[in-house]
C-alpha atoms as a PDB file:
ATOM      1  CA  MET A   1     -45.149  58.158 -12.054  1.00  0.00           C
ATOM      2  CA  THR A   2     -42.821  54.978 -11.287  1.00  0.00           C
ATOM      3  CA  ARG A   3     -46.229  52.863 -11.194  1.00  0.00           C
ATOM      4  CA  ARG A   4     -47.318  54.317 -14.361  1.00  0.00           C
ATOM      5  CA  VAL A   5     -43.849  53.417 -16.064  1.00  0.00           C
ATOM      6  CA  TRP A   6     -44.097  50.118 -14.468  1.00  0.00           C
ATOM      7  CA  THR A   7     -47.375  49.509 -15.876  1.00  0.00           C
ATOM      8  CA  TYR A   8     -46.537  50.473 -19.299  1.00  0.00           C
ATOM      9  CA  ALA A   9     -43.386  48.503 -19.097  1.00  0.00           C
ATOM     10  CA  GLY A  10     -45.569  45.687 -18.279  1.00  0.00           C
ATOM     11  CA  LEU A  11     -48.011  46.293 -21.148  1.00  0.00           C
ATOM     12  CA  ALA A  12     -44.909  46.380 -23.441  1.00  0.00           C
ATOM     13  CA  VAL A  13     -43.547  43.129 -22.317  1.00  0.00           C
ATOM     14  CA  GLY A  14     -46.722  41.528 -22.852  1.00  0.00           C
ATOM     15  CA  LEU A  15     -47.645  42.998 -26.570  1.00  0.00           C
ATOM     16  CA  VAL A  16     -44.228  41.681 -27.212  1.00  0.00           C
ATOM     17  CA  LEU A  17     -45.100  38.082 -26.063  1.00  0.00           C
ATOM     18  CA  VAL A  18     -48.398  37.993 -27.640  1.00  0.00           C
ATOM     19  CA  ALA A  19     -47.022  39.412 -31.243  1.00  0.00           C
ATOM     20  CA  PHE A  20     -43.664  37.934 -31.753  1.00  0.00           C
ATOM     21  CA  PRO A  21     -45.236  34.420 -32.325  1.00  0.00           C
ATOM     22  CA  PHE A  22     -47.214  36.234 -35.301  1.00  0.00           C
ATOM     23  CA  GLY A  23     -44.648  38.195 -36.225  1.00  0.00           C
ATOM     24  CA  TRP A  24     -42.093  35.139 -36.578  1.00  0.00           C
ATOM     25  CA  THR A  25     -44.868  33.100 -38.599  1.00  0.00           C
ATOM     26  CA  LEU A  26     -45.473  36.095 -40.960  1.00  0.00           C
ATOM     27  CA  LEU A  27     -41.989  36.596 -41.538  1.00  0.00           C
ATOM     28  CA  ALA A  28     -41.315  32.806 -41.925  1.00  0.00           C
ATOM     29  CA  SER A  29     -44.192  32.755 -44.549  1.00  0.00           C
ATOM     30  CA  VAL A  30     -42.025  34.899 -46.982  1.00  0.00           C
ATOM     31  CA  LYS A  31     -38.691  32.698 -46.272  1.00  0.00           C
ATOM     32  CA  PRO A  32     -37.728  29.823 -48.946  1.00  0.00           C
ATOM     33  CA  GLU A  33     -37.910  26.331 -47.342  1.00  0.00           C
ATOM     34  CA  SER A  34     -34.262  26.002 -46.699  1.00  0.00           C
ATOM     35  CA  GLU A  35     -33.794  29.256 -44.612  1.00  0.00           C
ATOM     36  CA  ILE A  36     -36.888  27.770 -42.530  1.00  0.00           C
ATOM     37  CA  ARG A  37     -35.126  24.712 -42.164  1.00  0.00           C
ATOM     38  CA  ARG A  38     -31.989  26.568 -41.099  1.00  0.00           C
ATOM     39  CA  ASP A  39     -30.156  25.596 -37.714  1.00  0.00           C
ATOM     40  CA  PRO A  40     -29.890  28.437 -35.951  1.00  0.00           C
ATOM     41  CA  PRO A  41     -33.231  30.046 -37.293  1.00  0.00           C
ATOM     42  CA  THR A  42     -33.235  33.409 -38.436  1.00  0.00           C
ATOM     43  CA  PHE A  43     -35.846  35.912 -37.688  1.00  0.00           C
ATOM     44  CA  LEU A  44     -35.721  38.322 -40.769  1.00  0.00           C
ATOM     45  CA  PRO A  45     -35.583  36.608 -43.995  1.00  0.00           C
ATOM     46  CA  ASP A  46     -32.198  36.636 -46.063  1.00  0.00           C
ATOM     47  CA  GLN A  47     -34.175  35.876 -49.212  1.00  0.00           C
ATOM     48  CA  TRP A  48     -37.827  37.228 -49.500  1.00  0.00           C
ATOM     49  CA  THR A  49     -39.830  34.881 -51.476  1.00  0.00           C
ATOM     50  CA  PHE A  50     -43.951  34.644 -51.984  1.00  0.00           C
ATOM     51  CA  GLY A  51     -43.521  31.183 -53.334  1.00  0.00           C
ATOM     52  CA  ASN A  52     -44.736  29.634 -50.552  1.00  0.00           C
ATOM     53  CA  TYR A  53     -48.348  31.493 -51.152  1.00  0.00           C
ATOM     54  CA  ALA A  54     -48.109  30.338 -54.916  1.00  0.00           C
ATOM     55  CA  GLY A  55     -47.330  27.132 -54.054  1.00  0.00           C
ATOM     56  CA  LEU A  56     -50.501  26.948 -51.473  1.00  0.00           C
ATOM     57  CA  PHE A  57     -52.955  28.082 -54.002  1.00  0.00           C
ATOM     58  CA  GLU A  58     -51.796  25.990 -56.782  1.00  0.00           C
ATOM     59  CA  ARG A  59     -51.593  22.569 -54.844  1.00  0.00           C
ATOM     60  CA  THR A  60     -55.181  23.182 -53.033  1.00  0.00           C
ATOM     61  CA  GLN A  61     -58.786  24.722 -53.355  1.00  0.00           C
ATOM     62  CA  MET A  62     -57.608  27.466 -50.832  1.00  0.00           C
ATOM     63  CA  ASP A  63     -59.215  30.159 -52.931  1.00  0.00           C
ATOM     64  CA  GLN A  64     -62.535  28.016 -52.826  1.00  0.00           C
ATOM     65  CA  ALA A  65     -62.263  27.645 -49.117  1.00  0.00           C
ATOM     66  CA  PHE A  66     -61.724  31.383 -48.238  1.00  0.00           C
ATOM     67  CA  LEU A  67     -64.851  32.211 -50.419  1.00  0.00           C
ATOM     68  CA  ASN A  68     -66.705  29.310 -48.133  1.00  0.00           C
ATOM     69  CA  SER A  69     -65.326  30.522 -44.673  1.00  0.00           C
ATOM     70  CA  THR A  70     -66.618  34.201 -45.831  1.00  0.00           C
ATOM     71  CA  VAL A  71     -69.798  33.101 -46.844  1.00  0.00           C
ATOM     72  CA  VAL A  72     -70.427  31.054 -43.824  1.00  0.00           C
ATOM     73  CA  ALA A  73     -68.991  33.659 -41.403  1.00  0.00           C
ATOM     74  CA  LEU A  74     -71.028  36.925 -43.002  1.00  0.00           C
ATOM     75  CA  ALA A  75     -74.106  34.834 -43.079  1.00  0.00           C
ATOM     76  CA  ALA A  76     -73.744  34.092 -39.306  1.00  0.00           C
ATOM     77  CA  VAL A  77     -73.094  37.519 -38.553  1.00  0.00           C
ATOM     78  CA  ALA A  78     -76.216  39.015 -40.362  1.00  0.00           C
ATOM     79  CA  GLY A  79     -77.976  36.435 -38.570  1.00  0.00           C
ATOM     80  CA  ASN A  80     -76.700  36.791 -35.288  1.00  0.00           C
ATOM     81  CA  LEU A  81     -77.258  40.921 -35.846  1.00  0.00           C
ATOM     82  CA  LEU A  82     -80.663  40.487 -36.552  1.00  0.00           C
ATOM     83  CA  PHE A  83     -82.100  37.529 -34.492  1.00  0.00           C
ATOM     84  CA  CYS A  84     -80.048  38.148 -31.569  1.00  0.00           C
ATOM     85  CA  SER A  85     -81.165  41.756 -31.453  1.00  0.00           C
ATOM     86  CA  MET A  86     -84.717  41.066 -31.775  1.00  0.00           C
ATOM     87  CA  VAL A  87     -84.719  38.505 -29.160  1.00  0.00           C
ATOM     88  CA  GLY A  88     -82.662  40.669 -26.998  1.00  0.00           C
ATOM     89  CA  TYR A  89     -85.274  43.606 -27.326  1.00  0.00           C
ATOM     90  CA  ALA A  90     -88.306  41.180 -26.529  1.00  0.00           C
ATOM     91  CA  PHE A  91     -86.409  40.161 -23.460  1.00  0.00           C
ATOM     92  CA  ALA A  92     -85.530  43.542 -22.253  1.00  0.00           C
ATOM     93  CA  LYS A  93     -88.621  45.856 -23.525  1.00  0.00           C
ATOM     94  CA  LEU A  94     -91.496  43.113 -23.701  1.00  0.00           C
ATOM     95  CA  PRO A  95     -93.474  42.324 -20.924  1.00  0.00           C
ATOM     96  CA  PHE A  96     -94.734  38.917 -21.483  1.00  0.00           C
ATOM     97  CA  ARG A  97     -95.302  35.705 -18.781  1.00  0.00           C
ATOM     98  CA  GLY A  98     -92.231  33.496 -18.500  1.00  0.00           C
ATOM     99  CA  ARG A  99     -89.729  35.900 -19.891  1.00  0.00           C
ATOM    100  CA  ASN A 100     -87.273  35.646 -16.520  1.00  0.00           C
ATOM    101  CA  VAL A 101     -87.764  31.734 -17.217  1.00  0.00           C
ATOM    102  CA  LEU A 102     -86.912  31.810 -20.697  1.00  0.00           C
ATOM    103  CA  PHE A 103     -83.910  34.007 -20.167  1.00  0.00           C
ATOM    104  CA  GLY A 104     -82.613  31.972 -17.390  1.00  0.00           C
ATOM    105  CA  LEU A 105     -83.149  29.140 -19.951  1.00  0.00           C
ATOM    106  CA  VAL A 106     -80.575  31.124 -22.422  1.00  0.00           C
ATOM    107  CA  LEU A 107     -78.159  31.851 -19.655  1.00  0.00           C
ATOM    108  CA  VAL A 108     -78.064  27.789 -18.722  1.00  0.00           C
ATOM    109  CA  GLN A 109     -77.360  27.190 -22.639  1.00  0.00           C
ATOM    110  CA  MET A 110     -74.233  29.404 -22.365  1.00  0.00           C
ATOM    111  CA  MET A 111     -72.781  26.893 -20.055  1.00  0.00           C
ATOM    112  CA  VAL A 112     -73.501  23.620 -22.265  1.00  0.00           C
ATOM    113  CA  PRO A 113     -70.467  22.869 -24.205  1.00  0.00           C
ATOM    114  CA  ALA A 114     -71.051  22.991 -28.048  1.00  0.00           C
ATOM    115  CA  ILE A 115     -69.863  19.353 -28.431  1.00  0.00           C
ATOM    116  CA  VAL A 116     -73.114  18.276 -26.282  1.00  0.00           C
ATOM    117  CA  VAL A 117     -75.372  19.353 -28.649  1.00  0.00           C
ATOM    118  CA  MET A 118     -73.457  18.592 -32.029  1.00  0.00           C
ATOM    119  CA  ILE A 119     -75.046  15.152 -32.344  1.00  0.00           C
ATOM    120  CA  PRO A 120     -78.590  16.255 -32.129  1.00  0.00           C
ATOM    121  CA  GLN A 121     -77.713  19.138 -34.484  1.00  0.00           C
ATOM    122  CA  PHE A 122     -76.215  16.895 -37.307  1.00  0.00           C
ATOM    123  CA  VAL A 123     -78.998  14.151 -37.053  1.00  0.00           C
ATOM    124  CA  LEU A 124     -81.553  17.219 -37.598  1.00  0.00           C
ATOM    125  CA  ILE A 125     -79.377  18.724 -40.548  1.00  0.00           C
ATOM    126  CA  ALA A 126     -79.066  15.168 -41.947  1.00  0.00           C
ATOM    127  CA  ARG A 127     -82.962  14.486 -41.657  1.00  0.00           C
ATOM    128  CA  PHE A 128     -83.712  17.919 -43.474  1.00  0.00           C
ATOM    129  CA  GLY A 129     -80.848  17.003 -46.160  1.00  0.00           C
ATOM    130  CA  LEU A 130     -78.479  19.929 -45.703  1.00  0.00           C
ATOM    131  CA  VAL A 131     -75.401  17.838 -45.012  1.00  0.00           C
ATOM    132  CA  ASN A 132     -72.515  19.318 -47.314  1.00  0.00           C
ATOM    133  CA  THR A 133     -74.480  22.519 -48.134  1.00  0.00           C
ATOM    134  CA  PHE A 134     -73.603  25.567 -46.947  1.00  0.00           C
ATOM    135  CA  LEU A 135     -77.122  26.054 -45.080  1.00  0.00           C
ATOM    136  CA  GLY A 136     -76.229  23.128 -42.989  1.00  0.00           C
ATOM    137  CA  ILE A 137     -73.130  24.786 -42.116  1.00  0.00           C
ATOM    138  CA  ILE A 138     -74.953  28.159 -41.134  1.00  0.00           C
ATOM    139  CA  LEU A 139     -78.136  27.288 -39.758  1.00  0.00           C
ATOM    140  CA  PRO A 140     -76.717  26.330 -35.903  1.00  0.00           C
ATOM    141  CA  THR A 141     -74.791  29.603 -36.076  1.00  0.00           C
ATOM    142  CA  VAL A 142     -77.530  32.086 -36.874  1.00  0.00           C
ATOM    143  CA  VAL A 143     -78.591  32.663 -33.020  1.00  0.00           C
ATOM    144  CA  THR A 144     -76.204  31.927 -30.391  1.00  0.00           C
ATOM    145  CA  PRO A 145     -76.984  32.383 -26.839  1.00  0.00           C
ATOM    146  CA  LEU A 146     -74.193  34.809 -26.108  1.00  0.00           C
ATOM    147  CA  GLY A 147     -75.420  37.361 -28.865  1.00  0.00           C
ATOM    148  CA  ILE A 148     -78.837  37.243 -26.736  1.00  0.00           C
ATOM    149  CA  PHE A 149     -77.397  37.835 -23.648  1.00  0.00           C
ATOM    150  CA  LEU A 150     -75.138  40.614 -24.991  1.00  0.00           C
ATOM    151  CA  MET A 151     -77.828  42.180 -26.989  1.00  0.00           C
ATOM    152  CA  ARG A 152     -80.572  41.984 -24.090  1.00  0.00           C
ATOM    153  CA  GLN A 153     -77.979  43.679 -21.540  1.00  0.00           C
ATOM    154  CA  PHE A 154     -77.413  46.402 -24.037  1.00  0.00           C
ATOM    155  CA  ILE A 155     -80.967  47.225 -24.813  1.00  0.00           C
ATOM    156  CA  ALA A 156     -82.183  47.185 -21.227  1.00  0.00           C
ATOM    157  CA  ASP A 157     -79.982  50.313 -20.488  1.00  0.00           C
ATOM    158  CA  ILE A 158     -82.058  52.084 -23.185  1.00  0.00           C
ATOM    159  CA  PRO A 159     -84.565  54.525 -21.592  1.00  0.00           C
ATOM    160  CA  ASP A 160     -87.943  52.957 -21.319  1.00  0.00           C
ATOM    161  CA  GLU A 161     -89.159  56.599 -22.031  1.00  0.00           C
ATOM    162  CA  LEU A 162     -87.961  56.293 -25.608  1.00  0.00           C
ATOM    163  CA  VAL A 163     -90.229  52.963 -26.264  1.00  0.00           C
ATOM    164  CA  HIS A 164     -93.281  54.677 -24.314  1.00  0.00           C
ATOM    165  CA  ALA A 165     -93.232  57.413 -26.097  1.00  0.00           C
ATOM    166  CA  ALA A 166     -93.154  55.378 -29.430  1.00  0.00           C
ATOM    167  CA  ARG A 167     -96.229  53.435 -28.172  1.00  0.00           C
ATOM    168  CA  VAL A 168     -98.087  56.415 -27.578  1.00  0.00           C
ATOM    169  CA  ASP A 169     -97.562  58.119 -30.725  1.00  0.00           C
ATOM    170  CA  GLY A 170     -98.967  54.759 -32.408  1.00  0.00           C
ATOM    171  CA  ALA A 171     -95.744  53.094 -33.300  1.00  0.00           C
ATOM    172  CA  ARG A 172     -95.817  49.134 -33.527  1.00  0.00           C
ATOM    173  CA  GLU A 173     -93.003  47.131 -32.033  1.00  0.00           C
ATOM    174  CA  PHE A 174     -91.286  46.093 -35.462  1.00  0.00           C
ATOM    175  CA  ARG A 175     -91.043  49.975 -36.225  1.00  0.00           C
ATOM    176  CA  ILE A 176     -90.002  51.059 -32.510  1.00  0.00           C
ATOM    177  CA  PHE A 177     -87.508  48.154 -32.762  1.00  0.00           C
ATOM    178  CA  PHE A 178     -85.931  48.828 -36.216  1.00  0.00           C
ATOM    179  CA  GLN A 179     -86.323  52.765 -36.363  1.00  0.00           C
ATOM    180  CA  ILE A 180     -85.563  53.672 -32.452  1.00  0.00           C
ATOM    181  CA  VAL A 181     -83.767  50.859 -30.706  1.00  0.00           C
ATOM    182  CA  LEU A 182     -81.893  49.505 -32.968  1.00  0.00           C
ATOM    183  CA  PRO A 183     -79.614  52.514 -34.039  1.00  0.00           C
ATOM    184  CA  LEU A 184     -78.954  52.940 -30.630  1.00  0.00           C
ATOM    185  CA  CYS A 185     -77.268  49.964 -30.694  1.00  0.00           C
ATOM    186  CA  LYS A 186     -74.046  50.230 -32.803  1.00  0.00           C
ATOM    187  CA  PRO A 187     -71.467  49.501 -30.087  1.00  0.00           C
ATOM    188  CA  ALA A 188     -73.368  46.413 -29.034  1.00  0.00           C
ATOM    189  CA  LEU A 189     -74.118  45.390 -32.464  1.00  0.00           C
ATOM    190  CA  ALA A 190     -70.211  45.678 -33.608  1.00  0.00           C
ATOM    191  CA  THR A 191     -69.189  43.596 -30.664  1.00  0.00           C
ATOM    192  CA  LEU A 192     -71.887  41.018 -31.314  1.00  0.00           C
ATOM    193  CA  GLY A 193     -70.741  40.957 -35.154  1.00  0.00           C
ATOM    194  CA  LEU A 194     -66.900  40.914 -34.312  1.00  0.00           C
ATOM    195  CA  ILE A 195     -67.220  38.041 -31.845  1.00  0.00           C
ATOM    196  CA  THR A 196     -69.328  35.740 -34.588  1.00  0.00           C
ATOM    197  CA  PHE A 197     -67.208  36.534 -37.227  1.00  0.00           C
ATOM    198  CA  PHE A 198     -63.936  35.219 -35.180  1.00  0.00           C
ATOM    199  CA  THR A 199     -66.001  32.492 -33.917  1.00  0.00           C
ATOM    200  CA  SER A 200     -67.281  31.363 -37.287  1.00  0.00           C
ATOM    201  CA  TRP A 201     -64.157  32.041 -39.352  1.00  0.00           C
ATOM    202  CA  ASN A 202     -62.131  29.879 -36.896  1.00  0.00           C
ATOM    203  CA  ALA A 203     -64.830  26.924 -36.532  1.00  0.00           C
ATOM    204  CA  PHE A 204     -63.400  23.520 -37.357  1.00  0.00           C
ATOM    205  CA  ILE A 205     -65.114  20.812 -35.766  1.00  0.00           C
ATOM    206  CA  TRP A 206     -68.986  21.743 -37.015  1.00  0.00           C
ATOM    207  CA  PRO A 207     -67.853  22.341 -40.560  1.00  0.00           C
ATOM    208  CA  ALA A 208     -65.596  19.168 -40.694  1.00  0.00           C
ATOM    209  CA  VAL A 209     -68.563  17.209 -39.787  1.00  0.00           C
ATOM    210  CA  VAL A 210     -71.137  19.034 -42.101  1.00  0.00           C
ATOM    211  CA  ALA A 211     -68.878  19.647 -45.176  1.00  0.00           C
ATOM    212  CA  GLN A 212     -68.262  16.198 -47.117  1.00  0.00           C
ATOM    213  CA  SER A 213     -66.605  17.413 -50.315  1.00  0.00           C
ATOM    214  CA  GLU A 214     -63.295  19.195 -50.709  1.00  0.00           C
ATOM    215  CA  ASP A 215     -65.515  22.107 -52.436  1.00  0.00           C
ATOM    216  CA  MET A 216     -67.459  22.810 -49.546  1.00  0.00           C
ATOM    217  CA  TYR A 217     -64.515  23.139 -46.978  1.00  0.00           C
ATOM    218  CA  THR A 218     -63.870  26.137 -45.192  1.00  0.00           C
ATOM    219  CA  LEU A 219     -60.624  27.326 -44.461  1.00  0.00           C
ATOM    220  CA  PRO A 220     -59.669  25.603 -40.887  1.00  0.00           C
ATOM    221  CA  VAL A 221     -60.837  22.577 -42.563  1.00  0.00           C
ATOM    222  CA  ALA A 222     -59.003  22.420 -45.826  1.00  0.00           C
ATOM    223  CA  LEU A 223     -55.584  23.602 -43.934  1.00  0.00           C
ATOM    224  CA  ALA A 224     -56.013  20.991 -41.507  1.00  0.00           C
ATOM    225  CA  ILE A 225     -56.311  18.368 -44.412  1.00  0.00           C
ATOM    226  CA  PHE A 226     -53.420  20.132 -45.927  1.00  0.00           C
ATOM    227  CA  ASN A 227     -51.231  19.872 -43.059  1.00  0.00           C
ATOM    228  CA  ASN A 228     -52.026  16.303 -42.913  1.00  0.00           C
ATOM    229  CA  ALA A 229     -50.913  15.768 -46.390  1.00  0.00           C
ATOM    230  CA  GLN A 230     -47.993  18.128 -46.758  1.00  0.00           C
ATOM    231  CA  ALA A 231     -46.452  17.909 -42.901  1.00  0.00           C
ATOM    232  CA  THR A 232     -42.970  18.376 -44.207  1.00  0.00           C
ATOM    233  CA  GLN A 233     -43.514  21.493 -46.555  1.00  0.00           C
ATOM    234  CA  TYR A 234     -43.259  23.886 -43.528  1.00  0.00           C
ATOM    235  CA  GLY A 235     -43.048  26.848 -45.766  1.00  0.00           C
ATOM    236  CA  LEU A 236     -46.504  25.987 -47.210  1.00  0.00           C
ATOM    237  CA  VAL A 237     -48.123  25.043 -43.920  1.00  0.00           C
ATOM    238  CA  ILE A 238     -47.178  28.710 -42.285  1.00  0.00           C
ATOM    239  CA  ALA A 239     -48.288  30.386 -45.402  1.00  0.00           C
ATOM    240  CA  GLY A 240     -51.762  28.975 -44.873  1.00  0.00           C
ATOM    241  CA  ALA A 241     -51.786  29.977 -41.158  1.00  0.00           C
ATOM    242  CA  VAL A 242     -51.241  33.204 -42.242  1.00  0.00           C
ATOM    243  CA  VAL A 243     -54.144  33.372 -45.006  1.00  0.00           C
ATOM    244  CA  VAL A 244     -56.256  32.135 -42.199  1.00  0.00           C
ATOM    245  CA  VAL A 245     -55.443  34.360 -39.364  1.00  0.00           C
ATOM    246  CA  LEU A 246     -54.540  37.736 -41.292  1.00  0.00           C
ATOM    247  CA  PRO A 247     -57.995  38.488 -42.358  1.00  0.00           C
ATOM    248  CA  ILE A 248     -59.423  38.345 -38.646  1.00  0.00           C
ATOM    249  CA  LEU A 249     -56.347  40.256 -37.522  1.00  0.00           C
ATOM    250  CA  VAL A 250     -57.087  42.912 -40.204  1.00  0.00           C
ATOM    251  CA  ILE A 251     -60.617  43.324 -39.149  1.00  0.00           C
ATOM    252  CA  PHE A 252     -60.149  43.375 -35.433  1.00  0.00           C
ATOM    253  CA  LEU A 253     -57.644  46.376 -36.028  1.00  0.00           C
ATOM    254  CA  PHE A 254     -60.080  48.352 -38.013  1.00  0.00           C
ATOM    255  CA  LEU A 255     -63.134  47.920 -35.413  1.00  0.00           C
ATOM    256  CA  GLN A 256     -61.390  47.576 -32.363  1.00  0.00           C
ATOM    257  CA  ARG A 257     -62.930  50.890 -30.920  1.00  0.00           C
ATOM    258  CA  TYR A 258     -66.305  49.421 -31.067  1.00  0.00           C
ATOM    259  CA  PHE A 259     -65.468  46.148 -29.843  1.00  0.00           C
ATOM    260  CA  VAL A 260     -64.230  47.763 -26.833  1.00  0.00           C
ATOM    261  CA  GLN A 261     -67.307  50.105 -26.547  1.00  0.00           C
ATOM    262  CA  GLY A 262     -69.562  47.368 -26.590  1.00  0.00           C
ATOM    263  CA  THR A 263     -68.003  45.096 -23.945  1.00  0.00           C
ATOM    264  CA  THR A 264     -67.878  48.318 -21.846  1.00  0.00           C
ATOM    265  CA  PHE A 265     -71.598  49.323 -22.359  1.00  0.00           C
ATOM    266  CA  THR A 266     -72.909  45.630 -21.733  1.00  0.00           C
ATOM    267  CA  GLY A 267     -70.706  44.639 -18.839  1.00  0.00           C
ATOM    268  CA  LEU A 268     -69.166  41.636 -20.827  1.00  0.00           C
ATOM    269  CA  LYS A 269     -65.779  40.515 -19.520  1.00  0.00           C
END
């Protein structure tokens, strides 16, 4: 009993340490500028105001950046759910020559930092004339080594008898994949979707390189440029940070159960 009490006490302390910075940021975003600068600082606002959010959207194209981030993130999620699950099914259930070698290359690619391949990717995007376009931002994210690995690990645990029985009945591989395998992959798909959405939503370097006009900026890029221009307007900067973080926090709170199931079933740590 004592051990359980200490465990919960430690978890409670950890929760406070993690949640406190975001709680302070959220409350600071509804304080007037004078109160944010007050010394000593206050935790709860003496005067509540949403003027920081109004000023943020009035002075910037944050609404356009929000829309851009949504399009990029949803497109990346859709691409990963489809293509990574298809490749994972091939690695897990289709015997073909060189399968283990190719899967080994996928694992090796997981160890390569993204910054290493960024210049070759940009050269390809530029040659295809996709600089400053949604397609140029999205294409490098529609298939990821992590997504392939996660889906392959999950699909490998699906009984081979289901696939063999469908083949005996005359079902083709696409039908087996879409009607039998994919419906069984909901926890893994939810996990992959969450990881992909968070990664795409928070991506900064690649969108900053490809997007070269203000109407193509995603939220992290628009916020970084705004911070440089309005470094002394703490209220506006804090409100912008909340706008970026709040959507992914809400999505995770609603889908965390599927995320835990997916990471458990696939062995992803």
